[in-house]
N, C-alpha and C. Protein backbone atom coordinates (compact mmCIF):
# COMPACT_ATOMS: atom_id res chain seq x y z
N UNK A 1 100.56 10.49 180.95
CA UNK A 1 99.88 11.76 180.74
C UNK A 1 100.89 12.82 180.32
N UNK A 2 100.55 13.62 179.33
CA UNK A 2 101.43 14.68 178.87
C UNK A 2 101.65 15.69 180.00
N UNK A 3 102.82 16.35 179.95
CA UNK A 3 103.17 17.29 181.01
C UNK A 3 102.13 18.40 181.12
N UNK A 4 101.68 18.95 179.99
CA UNK A 4 100.72 20.05 180.04
C UNK A 4 99.40 19.61 180.66
N UNK A 5 98.96 18.38 180.36
CA UNK A 5 97.72 17.88 180.93
C UNK A 5 97.88 17.65 182.43
N UNK A 6 99.02 17.08 182.83
CA UNK A 6 99.26 16.85 184.25
C UNK A 6 99.26 18.17 185.02
N UNK A 7 99.92 19.18 184.46
CA UNK A 7 99.95 20.49 185.11
C UNK A 7 98.55 21.06 185.25
N UNK A 8 97.75 20.92 184.19
CA UNK A 8 96.37 21.43 184.24
C UNK A 8 95.58 20.74 185.35
N UNK A 9 95.71 19.43 185.49
CA UNK A 9 94.99 18.72 186.53
C UNK A 9 95.50 19.07 187.92
N UNK A 10 96.78 19.36 188.03
CA UNK A 10 97.32 19.80 189.33
C UNK A 10 96.73 21.13 189.74
N UNK A 11 96.58 22.05 188.79
CA UNK A 11 95.97 23.34 189.09
C UNK A 11 94.50 23.16 189.46
N UNK A 12 93.80 22.28 188.75
CA UNK A 12 92.40 21.98 189.08
C UNK A 12 92.31 21.48 190.51
N UNK A 13 93.20 20.58 190.89
CA UNK A 13 93.16 20.03 192.25
C UNK A 13 93.48 21.11 193.28
N UNK A 14 94.41 22.00 192.97
CA UNK A 14 94.73 23.13 193.86
C UNK A 14 93.48 23.97 194.10
N UNK A 15 92.78 24.32 193.01
CA UNK A 15 91.58 25.14 193.14
C UNK A 15 90.52 24.39 193.96
N UNK A 16 90.38 23.11 193.71
CA UNK A 16 89.38 22.32 194.44
C UNK A 16 89.68 22.35 195.94
N UNK A 17 90.95 22.22 196.30
CA UNK A 17 91.33 22.21 197.71
C UNK A 17 91.15 23.59 198.35
N UNK A 18 91.42 24.64 197.58
CA UNK A 18 91.22 25.99 198.11
C UNK A 18 89.74 26.24 198.36
N UNK A 19 88.89 25.83 197.41
CA UNK A 19 87.44 25.95 197.61
C UNK A 19 87.01 25.22 198.88
N UNK A 20 87.51 24.00 199.07
CA UNK A 20 87.14 23.21 200.24
C UNK A 20 87.63 23.86 201.52
N UNK A 21 88.83 24.44 201.48
CA UNK A 21 89.38 25.10 202.66
C UNK A 21 88.50 26.29 203.06
N UNK A 22 88.12 27.12 202.10
CA UNK A 22 87.29 28.28 202.43
C UNK A 22 85.89 27.87 202.85
N UNK A 23 85.37 26.77 202.32
CA UNK A 23 84.07 26.27 202.76
C UNK A 23 84.13 25.89 204.24
N UNK A 24 85.23 25.26 204.64
CA UNK A 24 85.40 24.90 206.05
C UNK A 24 85.58 26.15 206.90
N UNK A 25 86.29 27.14 206.38
CA UNK A 25 86.46 28.40 207.10
C UNK A 25 85.09 29.04 207.36
N UNK A 26 84.22 29.07 206.35
CA UNK A 26 82.90 29.68 206.53
C UNK A 26 82.03 28.90 207.50
N UNK A 27 82.28 27.60 207.63
CA UNK A 27 81.48 26.78 208.56
C UNK A 27 81.96 26.93 210.00
N UNK A 28 83.14 27.48 210.20
CA UNK A 28 83.72 27.59 211.54
C UNK A 28 83.21 28.88 212.19
N UNK A 29 82.44 28.77 213.30
CA UNK A 29 81.76 29.96 213.82
C UNK A 29 82.69 31.01 214.44
N UNK A 30 83.80 30.59 215.01
CA UNK A 30 84.70 31.56 215.65
C UNK A 30 85.77 31.99 214.65
N UNK A 31 85.80 33.29 214.31
CA UNK A 31 86.76 33.76 213.29
C UNK A 31 88.22 33.44 213.60
N UNK A 32 88.61 33.53 214.87
CA UNK A 32 89.99 33.22 215.21
C UNK A 32 90.35 31.78 214.92
N UNK A 33 89.44 30.86 215.22
CA UNK A 33 89.67 29.45 214.93
C UNK A 33 89.66 29.20 213.42
N UNK A 34 88.76 29.91 212.73
CA UNK A 34 88.72 29.78 211.28
C UNK A 34 90.03 30.26 210.65
N UNK A 35 90.59 31.31 211.21
CA UNK A 35 91.85 31.85 210.70
C UNK A 35 92.99 30.86 210.90
N UNK A 36 93.03 30.20 212.06
CA UNK A 36 94.08 29.21 212.30
C UNK A 36 93.93 28.03 211.36
N UNK A 37 92.70 27.61 211.11
CA UNK A 37 92.44 26.53 210.14
C UNK A 37 92.95 26.95 208.77
N UNK A 38 92.64 28.17 208.36
CA UNK A 38 93.08 28.70 207.06
C UNK A 38 94.60 28.77 206.97
N UNK A 39 95.24 29.23 208.05
CA UNK A 39 96.70 29.35 208.05
C UNK A 39 97.35 27.98 207.87
N UNK A 40 96.88 26.99 208.62
CA UNK A 40 97.44 25.65 208.50
C UNK A 40 97.19 25.06 207.12
N UNK A 41 95.98 25.27 206.60
CA UNK A 41 95.66 24.73 205.28
C UNK A 41 96.49 25.37 204.19
N UNK A 42 96.70 26.68 204.28
CA UNK A 42 97.50 27.37 203.27
C UNK A 42 98.96 26.92 203.34
N UNK A 43 99.47 26.77 204.55
CA UNK A 43 100.85 26.27 204.69
C UNK A 43 101.00 24.89 204.05
N UNK A 44 100.04 24.03 204.30
CA UNK A 44 100.11 22.66 203.76
C UNK A 44 100.09 22.68 202.23
N UNK A 45 99.22 23.48 201.65
CA UNK A 45 99.17 23.56 200.19
C UNK A 45 100.47 24.12 199.63
N UNK A 46 100.96 25.18 200.23
CA UNK A 46 102.18 25.82 199.71
C UNK A 46 103.37 24.87 199.77
N UNK A 47 103.45 24.08 200.82
CA UNK A 47 104.62 23.21 200.98
C UNK A 47 104.50 21.93 200.17
N UNK A 48 103.32 21.31 200.12
CA UNK A 48 103.22 19.94 199.63
C UNK A 48 102.49 19.77 198.29
N UNK A 49 101.70 20.73 197.88
CA UNK A 49 100.92 20.51 196.67
C UNK A 49 101.79 20.71 195.43
N UNK A 50 101.63 19.86 194.41
CA UNK A 50 102.46 20.00 193.20
C UNK A 50 102.23 21.30 192.44
N UNK A 51 101.12 21.99 192.67
CA UNK A 51 100.87 23.26 191.98
C UNK A 51 101.28 24.46 192.82
N UNK A 52 102.05 24.25 193.88
CA UNK A 52 102.47 25.35 194.73
C UNK A 52 103.26 26.39 193.93
N UNK A 53 103.06 27.68 194.23
CA UNK A 53 103.88 28.70 193.58
C UNK A 53 105.26 28.85 194.23
N UNK A 54 105.50 28.15 195.33
CA UNK A 54 106.83 28.22 195.93
C UNK A 54 107.86 27.64 194.96
N UNK A 55 108.93 28.37 194.73
CA UNK A 55 109.98 27.88 193.85
C UNK A 55 110.70 26.71 194.52
N UNK A 56 111.24 25.77 193.73
CA UNK A 56 111.90 24.60 194.31
C UNK A 56 112.98 24.95 195.33
N UNK A 57 113.71 26.02 195.08
CA UNK A 57 114.79 26.38 196.01
C UNK A 57 114.28 26.97 197.32
N UNK A 58 112.99 27.36 197.35
CA UNK A 58 112.43 27.94 198.58
C UNK A 58 111.72 26.90 199.44
N UNK A 59 111.53 25.70 198.93
CA UNK A 59 110.74 24.71 199.67
C UNK A 59 111.50 24.03 200.81
N UNK A 60 112.79 23.68 200.67
CA UNK A 60 113.45 22.95 201.76
C UNK A 60 113.44 23.70 203.10
N UNK A 61 113.58 25.01 203.09
CA UNK A 61 113.62 25.77 204.34
C UNK A 61 112.28 26.35 204.75
N UNK A 62 111.20 25.95 204.06
CA UNK A 62 109.89 26.54 204.34
C UNK A 62 109.38 26.08 205.70
N UNK A 63 109.05 27.04 206.57
CA UNK A 63 108.52 26.75 207.90
C UNK A 63 107.15 27.37 208.13
N UNK A 64 106.52 27.80 207.08
CA UNK A 64 105.21 28.42 207.21
C UNK A 64 105.21 29.83 206.68
N UNK A 65 104.05 30.26 206.18
CA UNK A 65 103.92 31.62 205.66
C UNK A 65 103.94 32.63 206.79
N UNK A 66 104.45 33.83 206.53
CA UNK A 66 104.51 34.86 207.57
C UNK A 66 103.15 35.54 207.75
N UNK A 67 102.27 34.87 208.47
CA UNK A 67 100.91 35.36 208.68
C UNK A 67 100.79 35.89 210.10
N UNK A 68 100.31 37.12 210.23
CA UNK A 68 100.21 37.78 211.53
C UNK A 68 99.11 37.13 212.38
N UNK A 69 99.23 37.22 213.72
CA UNK A 69 98.17 36.71 214.60
C UNK A 69 96.84 37.41 214.32
N UNK A 70 95.77 36.70 214.64
CA UNK A 70 94.43 37.20 214.34
C UNK A 70 94.08 38.40 215.20
N UNK A 71 93.54 39.44 214.53
CA UNK A 71 93.08 40.66 215.20
C UNK A 71 91.62 40.90 214.82
N UNK A 72 90.67 40.69 215.76
CA UNK A 72 89.26 40.78 215.40
C UNK A 72 88.82 42.16 214.91
N UNK A 73 89.55 43.21 215.25
CA UNK A 73 89.15 44.56 214.82
C UNK A 73 89.27 44.76 213.31
N UNK A 74 89.92 43.82 212.62
CA UNK A 74 90.09 43.95 211.17
C UNK A 74 89.08 43.10 210.40
N UNK A 75 88.03 42.67 211.06
CA UNK A 75 86.97 41.89 210.39
C UNK A 75 85.71 42.76 210.29
N UNK A 76 85.09 42.78 209.10
CA UNK A 76 83.92 43.62 208.86
C UNK A 76 82.89 42.87 208.01
N UNK A 77 81.63 43.21 208.21
CA UNK A 77 80.58 42.85 207.26
C UNK A 77 80.03 44.16 206.71
N UNK A 78 80.27 44.42 205.44
CA UNK A 78 80.08 45.75 204.88
C UNK A 78 79.08 45.75 203.73
N UNK A 79 78.31 46.82 203.62
CA UNK A 79 77.44 46.96 202.45
C UNK A 79 78.24 47.31 201.21
N UNK A 80 77.81 46.80 200.08
CA UNK A 80 78.42 47.19 198.81
C UNK A 80 77.70 48.44 198.32
N UNK A 81 78.45 49.52 198.21
CA UNK A 81 77.91 50.84 197.87
C UNK A 81 78.05 51.11 196.38
N UNK A 82 77.25 52.02 195.85
CA UNK A 82 77.38 52.37 194.43
C UNK A 82 78.76 52.97 194.13
N UNK A 83 79.21 52.79 192.91
CA UNK A 83 80.49 53.33 192.47
C UNK A 83 80.38 53.74 191.01
N UNK A 84 81.25 54.64 190.61
CA UNK A 84 81.29 55.05 189.21
C UNK A 84 81.62 53.85 188.32
N UNK A 85 80.95 53.73 187.18
CA UNK A 85 81.30 52.63 186.27
C UNK A 85 82.77 52.70 185.86
N UNK A 86 83.36 51.58 185.68
CA UNK A 86 84.75 51.55 185.25
C UNK A 86 85.20 50.12 185.04
N UNK A 87 86.39 49.97 184.56
CA UNK A 87 86.92 48.63 184.34
C UNK A 87 88.38 48.67 183.97
N UNK A 88 88.97 47.50 183.93
CA UNK A 88 90.34 47.38 183.44
C UNK A 88 90.50 46.01 182.80
N UNK A 89 91.49 45.89 181.97
CA UNK A 89 91.80 44.62 181.32
C UNK A 89 93.18 44.17 181.75
N UNK A 90 93.29 42.87 181.99
CA UNK A 90 94.56 42.33 182.46
C UNK A 90 95.03 41.24 181.51
N UNK A 91 96.25 41.38 181.04
CA UNK A 91 96.82 40.40 180.11
C UNK A 91 97.52 39.30 180.88
N UNK A 92 97.08 38.07 180.69
CA UNK A 92 97.72 36.92 181.34
C UNK A 92 98.53 36.15 180.31
N UNK A 93 99.37 35.27 180.82
CA UNK A 93 100.17 34.47 179.92
C UNK A 93 99.42 33.28 179.36
N UNK A 94 98.31 32.89 180.03
CA UNK A 94 97.61 31.67 179.62
C UNK A 94 96.16 31.90 179.22
N UNK A 95 95.51 32.90 179.80
CA UNK A 95 94.08 33.10 179.59
C UNK A 95 93.76 34.29 178.70
N UNK A 96 94.76 34.87 178.06
CA UNK A 96 94.52 36.02 177.20
C UNK A 96 94.20 37.27 178.01
N UNK A 97 93.38 38.15 177.44
CA UNK A 97 92.98 39.38 178.11
C UNK A 97 91.77 39.10 179.00
N UNK A 98 91.92 39.40 180.30
CA UNK A 98 90.84 39.16 181.26
C UNK A 98 90.25 40.51 181.66
N UNK A 99 88.96 40.77 181.37
CA UNK A 99 88.34 42.05 181.70
C UNK A 99 87.71 42.04 183.10
N UNK A 100 87.84 43.16 183.79
CA UNK A 100 87.20 43.35 185.08
C UNK A 100 86.30 44.58 185.03
N UNK A 101 85.16 44.50 185.69
CA UNK A 101 84.19 45.59 185.73
C UNK A 101 83.97 46.02 187.18
N UNK A 102 84.03 47.34 187.45
CA UNK A 102 83.76 47.82 188.81
C UNK A 102 82.25 47.79 189.05
N UNK A 103 81.85 47.09 190.12
CA UNK A 103 80.43 46.93 190.41
C UNK A 103 80.02 47.60 191.71
N UNK A 104 80.96 48.16 192.44
CA UNK A 104 80.64 48.82 193.69
C UNK A 104 81.90 49.16 194.46
N UNK A 105 81.70 49.55 195.70
CA UNK A 105 82.82 49.85 196.58
C UNK A 105 82.41 49.54 198.00
N UNK A 106 83.39 49.39 198.87
CA UNK A 106 83.14 49.21 200.30
C UNK A 106 83.94 50.24 201.06
N UNK A 107 83.37 50.72 202.15
CA UNK A 107 84.04 51.69 203.00
C UNK A 107 84.57 50.98 204.24
N UNK A 108 85.89 50.99 204.41
CA UNK A 108 86.52 50.35 205.55
C UNK A 108 86.61 51.37 206.68
N UNK A 109 86.01 51.11 207.84
CA UNK A 109 86.04 52.10 208.92
C UNK A 109 87.47 52.53 209.27
N UNK A 110 87.68 53.84 209.30
CA UNK A 110 88.96 54.45 209.68
C UNK A 110 90.11 54.06 208.76
N UNK A 111 89.80 53.56 207.57
CA UNK A 111 90.88 53.12 206.67
C UNK A 111 90.73 53.65 205.25
N UNK A 112 89.52 53.69 204.72
CA UNK A 112 89.35 54.16 203.35
C UNK A 112 88.40 53.28 202.56
N UNK A 113 88.42 53.47 201.25
CA UNK A 113 87.47 52.81 200.35
C UNK A 113 88.20 51.82 199.44
N UNK A 114 87.53 50.73 199.11
CA UNK A 114 88.07 49.74 198.17
C UNK A 114 87.03 49.46 197.10
N UNK A 115 87.49 49.41 195.86
CA UNK A 115 86.60 49.05 194.76
C UNK A 115 86.31 47.55 194.78
N UNK A 116 85.10 47.21 194.36
CA UNK A 116 84.68 45.82 194.21
C UNK A 116 84.58 45.54 192.71
N UNK A 117 85.28 44.50 192.26
CA UNK A 117 85.36 44.18 190.84
C UNK A 117 84.66 42.88 190.53
N UNK A 118 84.13 42.80 189.33
CA UNK A 118 83.54 41.55 188.81
C UNK A 118 84.32 41.12 187.57
N UNK A 119 84.64 39.85 187.53
CA UNK A 119 85.26 39.29 186.34
C UNK A 119 84.22 39.29 185.23
N UNK A 120 84.44 40.09 184.20
CA UNK A 120 83.45 40.29 183.14
C UNK A 120 83.67 39.32 181.98
N UNK A 121 83.81 38.06 182.29
CA UNK A 121 83.95 37.03 181.26
C UNK A 121 83.35 35.75 181.81
N UNK A 122 83.57 34.67 181.13
CA UNK A 122 82.91 33.40 181.48
C UNK A 122 83.14 33.04 182.94
N UNK A 123 82.06 32.73 183.64
CA UNK A 123 82.17 32.28 185.02
C UNK A 123 81.99 33.39 186.04
N UNK A 124 82.30 34.63 185.67
CA UNK A 124 82.14 35.74 186.60
C UNK A 124 83.01 35.60 187.84
N UNK A 125 82.63 36.30 188.89
CA UNK A 125 83.38 36.24 190.14
C UNK A 125 83.64 37.63 190.69
N UNK A 126 83.76 37.72 192.02
CA UNK A 126 84.03 38.98 192.71
C UNK A 126 85.49 39.01 193.13
N UNK A 127 86.10 40.19 192.96
CA UNK A 127 87.54 40.34 193.20
C UNK A 127 87.77 41.64 193.97
N UNK A 128 88.41 41.54 195.16
CA UNK A 128 88.76 42.72 195.95
C UNK A 128 90.22 42.60 196.37
N UNK A 129 91.12 43.25 195.67
CA UNK A 129 92.51 43.30 196.12
C UNK A 129 92.71 44.51 197.02
N UNK A 130 93.86 44.57 197.69
CA UNK A 130 94.18 45.73 198.53
C UNK A 130 95.69 45.93 198.57
N UNK A 131 96.08 47.17 198.48
CA UNK A 131 97.48 47.57 198.69
C UNK A 131 97.47 48.59 199.81
N UNK A 132 98.26 48.34 200.86
CA UNK A 132 98.23 49.21 202.03
C UNK A 132 99.56 49.94 202.19
N UNK A 133 99.68 50.73 203.26
CA UNK A 133 100.85 51.58 203.45
C UNK A 133 102.12 50.78 203.75
N UNK A 134 102.00 49.50 204.05
CA UNK A 134 103.18 48.67 204.30
C UNK A 134 103.71 48.02 203.03
N UNK A 135 103.01 48.20 201.92
CA UNK A 135 103.38 47.53 200.67
C UNK A 135 104.76 47.98 200.19
N UNK A 136 105.61 46.99 199.89
CA UNK A 136 106.93 47.27 199.36
C UNK A 136 107.97 47.62 200.40
N UNK A 137 107.58 47.72 201.66
CA UNK A 137 108.54 48.04 202.72
C UNK A 137 109.20 46.77 203.23
N UNK A 138 110.38 46.91 203.81
CA UNK A 138 111.07 45.76 204.39
C UNK A 138 110.17 45.09 205.42
N UNK A 139 109.99 43.78 205.27
CA UNK A 139 109.16 42.98 206.17
C UNK A 139 107.74 43.54 206.28
N UNK A 140 107.27 44.15 205.21
CA UNK A 140 105.92 44.69 205.18
C UNK A 140 104.98 43.77 204.44
N UNK A 141 104.26 44.31 203.46
CA UNK A 141 103.35 43.51 202.65
C UNK A 141 103.79 43.57 201.19
N UNK A 142 103.27 42.65 200.40
CA UNK A 142 103.70 42.52 199.01
C UNK A 142 103.46 43.83 198.26
N UNK A 143 104.46 44.26 197.50
CA UNK A 143 104.40 45.56 196.83
C UNK A 143 103.25 45.72 195.86
N UNK A 144 102.83 44.64 195.23
CA UNK A 144 101.73 44.72 194.27
C UNK A 144 100.36 44.64 194.90
N UNK A 145 100.33 44.39 196.21
CA UNK A 145 99.06 44.25 196.90
C UNK A 145 98.70 42.80 197.18
N UNK A 146 97.72 42.62 198.03
CA UNK A 146 97.25 41.29 198.41
C UNK A 146 95.79 41.12 197.98
N UNK A 147 95.29 39.90 198.10
CA UNK A 147 93.90 39.61 197.75
C UNK A 147 93.10 39.41 199.04
N UNK A 148 91.96 40.11 199.12
CA UNK A 148 91.01 39.90 200.22
C UNK A 148 89.94 38.90 199.81
N UNK A 149 89.35 39.14 198.65
CA UNK A 149 88.29 38.28 198.10
C UNK A 149 88.63 37.98 196.65
N UNK A 150 88.56 36.71 196.30
CA UNK A 150 88.72 36.30 194.90
C UNK A 150 87.88 35.05 194.72
N UNK A 151 86.59 35.25 194.49
CA UNK A 151 85.69 34.10 194.39
C UNK A 151 86.01 33.23 193.18
N UNK A 152 86.72 33.79 192.21
CA UNK A 152 87.14 33.00 191.06
C UNK A 152 88.02 31.83 191.52
N UNK A 153 88.82 32.09 192.54
CA UNK A 153 89.73 31.08 193.08
C UNK A 153 89.18 30.40 194.32
N UNK A 154 87.97 30.77 194.74
CA UNK A 154 87.38 30.16 195.93
C UNK A 154 87.60 30.94 197.20
N UNK A 155 88.34 32.05 197.17
CA UNK A 155 88.62 32.85 198.36
C UNK A 155 87.42 33.72 198.67
N UNK A 156 86.51 33.19 199.47
CA UNK A 156 85.21 33.82 199.72
C UNK A 156 84.85 33.58 201.17
N UNK A 157 84.69 34.66 201.96
CA UNK A 157 84.42 34.54 203.39
C UNK A 157 82.93 34.65 203.71
N UNK A 158 82.12 34.91 202.70
CA UNK A 158 80.68 34.95 202.91
C UNK A 158 80.07 36.27 202.49
N UNK A 159 78.80 36.23 202.14
CA UNK A 159 78.06 37.43 201.74
C UNK A 159 76.58 37.19 201.97
N UNK A 160 75.82 38.29 201.95
CA UNK A 160 74.37 38.21 202.12
C UNK A 160 73.76 38.98 200.96
N UNK A 161 73.22 38.28 199.97
CA UNK A 161 72.70 38.92 198.77
C UNK A 161 71.50 39.81 199.09
N UNK A 162 70.65 39.39 200.03
CA UNK A 162 69.46 40.19 200.35
C UNK A 162 69.84 41.50 201.02
N UNK A 163 70.81 41.47 201.91
CA UNK A 163 71.24 42.68 202.61
C UNK A 163 72.26 43.46 201.81
N UNK A 164 72.83 42.82 200.79
CA UNK A 164 73.84 43.50 199.98
C UNK A 164 75.14 43.72 200.71
N UNK A 165 75.51 42.76 201.58
CA UNK A 165 76.75 42.90 202.36
C UNK A 165 77.72 41.78 202.02
N UNK A 166 78.97 42.02 202.36
CA UNK A 166 80.02 41.04 202.14
C UNK A 166 80.96 41.03 203.34
N UNK A 167 81.44 39.85 203.71
CA UNK A 167 82.40 39.74 204.81
C UNK A 167 83.80 40.03 204.27
N UNK A 168 84.46 41.01 204.87
CA UNK A 168 85.81 41.38 204.50
C UNK A 168 86.66 41.30 205.75
N UNK A 169 87.59 40.37 205.78
CA UNK A 169 88.45 40.16 206.95
C UNK A 169 89.90 40.27 206.50
N UNK A 170 90.55 41.34 206.89
CA UNK A 170 91.92 41.58 206.45
C UNK A 170 92.91 40.57 207.02
N UNK A 171 92.52 39.85 208.06
CA UNK A 171 93.37 38.79 208.59
C UNK A 171 93.60 37.68 207.57
N UNK A 172 92.69 37.57 206.59
CA UNK A 172 92.78 36.56 205.56
C UNK A 172 93.40 37.09 204.26
N UNK A 173 93.91 38.33 204.29
CA UNK A 173 94.58 38.88 203.10
C UNK A 173 95.79 38.00 202.76
N UNK A 174 95.90 37.61 201.50
CA UNK A 174 96.99 36.70 201.12
C UNK A 174 97.70 37.20 199.87
N UNK A 175 98.94 36.77 199.74
CA UNK A 175 99.75 37.17 198.59
C UNK A 175 99.35 36.38 197.36
N UNK A 176 99.26 37.04 196.20
CA UNK A 176 99.02 36.30 194.96
C UNK A 176 100.22 35.42 194.62
N UNK A 177 100.00 34.46 193.75
CA UNK A 177 101.06 33.50 193.41
C UNK A 177 102.30 34.18 192.84
N UNK A 178 102.11 35.32 192.13
CA UNK A 178 103.26 35.98 191.53
C UNK A 178 104.21 36.56 192.57
N UNK A 179 103.77 36.64 193.83
CA UNK A 179 104.68 37.10 194.89
C UNK A 179 105.77 36.07 195.15
N UNK A 180 105.51 34.80 194.78
CA UNK A 180 106.46 33.72 195.04
C UNK A 180 107.11 33.18 193.78
N UNK A 181 106.37 33.25 192.67
CA UNK A 181 106.90 32.72 191.41
C UNK A 181 106.60 33.73 190.30
N UNK A 182 107.63 34.39 189.75
CA UNK A 182 107.40 35.41 188.72
C UNK A 182 106.80 34.85 187.44
N UNK A 183 106.75 33.53 187.29
CA UNK A 183 106.13 32.96 186.09
C UNK A 183 104.62 33.17 186.09
N UNK A 184 104.03 33.43 187.27
CA UNK A 184 102.60 33.69 187.35
C UNK A 184 102.32 35.14 186.99
N UNK A 185 101.19 35.37 186.31
CA UNK A 185 100.73 36.73 186.02
C UNK A 185 99.48 36.97 186.85
N UNK A 186 99.52 37.99 187.71
CA UNK A 186 98.43 38.22 188.65
C UNK A 186 97.88 39.64 188.53
N UNK A 187 96.57 39.81 188.43
CA UNK A 187 96.03 41.17 188.49
C UNK A 187 96.27 41.77 189.86
N UNK A 188 96.78 43.00 189.90
CA UNK A 188 97.17 43.61 191.16
C UNK A 188 96.21 44.73 191.53
N UNK A 189 96.44 45.34 192.67
CA UNK A 189 95.55 46.38 193.18
C UNK A 189 95.53 47.59 192.26
N UNK A 190 94.34 48.00 191.87
CA UNK A 190 94.12 49.19 191.07
C UNK A 190 94.13 50.43 191.97
N UNK A 191 94.18 51.65 191.39
CA UNK A 191 94.22 52.86 192.22
C UNK A 191 93.09 52.93 193.25
N UNK A 192 91.91 52.41 192.92
CA UNK A 192 90.80 52.42 193.86
C UNK A 192 90.87 51.35 194.91
N UNK A 193 91.95 50.59 194.93
CA UNK A 193 92.13 49.54 195.93
C UNK A 193 93.40 49.76 196.75
N UNK A 194 93.76 51.01 196.92
CA UNK A 194 94.94 51.39 197.68
C UNK A 194 94.51 52.13 198.94
N UNK A 195 94.98 51.66 200.10
CA UNK A 195 94.71 52.32 201.37
C UNK A 195 95.95 53.07 201.84
N UNK A 196 95.75 54.23 202.41
CA UNK A 196 96.89 55.03 202.88
C UNK A 196 97.34 54.64 204.28
N UNK A 197 96.61 53.72 204.91
CA UNK A 197 96.95 53.29 206.27
C UNK A 197 97.64 51.92 206.21
N UNK A 198 98.47 51.60 207.22
CA UNK A 198 99.06 50.26 207.26
C UNK A 198 98.02 49.23 207.70
N UNK A 199 98.10 48.06 207.09
CA UNK A 199 97.24 46.93 207.47
C UNK A 199 98.18 45.84 207.97
N UNK A 200 98.37 45.74 209.30
CA UNK A 200 99.42 44.87 209.84
C UNK A 200 99.02 43.41 209.98
N UNK A 201 97.84 43.03 209.51
CA UNK A 201 97.39 41.64 209.65
C UNK A 201 97.39 40.95 208.29
N UNK A 202 97.14 39.65 208.32
CA UNK A 202 97.17 38.87 207.09
C UNK A 202 98.58 38.39 206.77
N UNK A 203 98.73 37.96 205.53
CA UNK A 203 100.01 37.43 205.08
C UNK A 203 100.98 38.57 204.78
N UNK A 204 102.18 38.48 205.34
CA UNK A 204 103.20 39.51 205.12
C UNK A 204 104.13 39.06 203.99
N UNK A 205 105.11 39.88 203.70
CA UNK A 205 106.05 39.56 202.62
C UNK A 205 107.44 39.91 203.12
N UNK A 206 108.14 38.89 203.61
CA UNK A 206 109.44 39.12 204.22
C UNK A 206 110.53 39.18 203.17
N UNK A 207 111.41 40.18 203.27
CA UNK A 207 112.51 40.36 202.34
C UNK A 207 113.84 40.25 203.05
């Protein structure tokens, strides 16, 4: 098999495993147990999967991602509220220009507002990144922000279409692949996805 084809199939398998991991997370009734399942699954993928974004020199000493202990106060089921129309385009190295459309916003209690984005191209998908007050600080969070929801990649904690709500759990906030490998191009948090408060849970970014 040609190298490019093998790489493509490795990425397909990565996505398939991520989808399966989040499906199991949604089936697990206790959020703390679901979080531990997610942490172990993410560690396993990062260390052993051929499509891992971990650079070869970072793998021998890998002992697990720096994920904070579960804090139930950072889990919410929130209504998607109206928002001003808007959008942005993101240039990737492999998929060309990827357009995003703002379809709503969510209000995080005592924290602020986050825009909800839809991938406005083939396949669709909901995308909610977040950048908090710890971003870019020593042993804080990734400077470009983390992902809360990215249904394009399978990162989906659940929603209720009839009630118009979505589950947002900051304990599951994770770093995009570009945080580990600069060869990846990742859409980052837009101005409407920046919180002025620290979010001490989820995946951290140790420097």
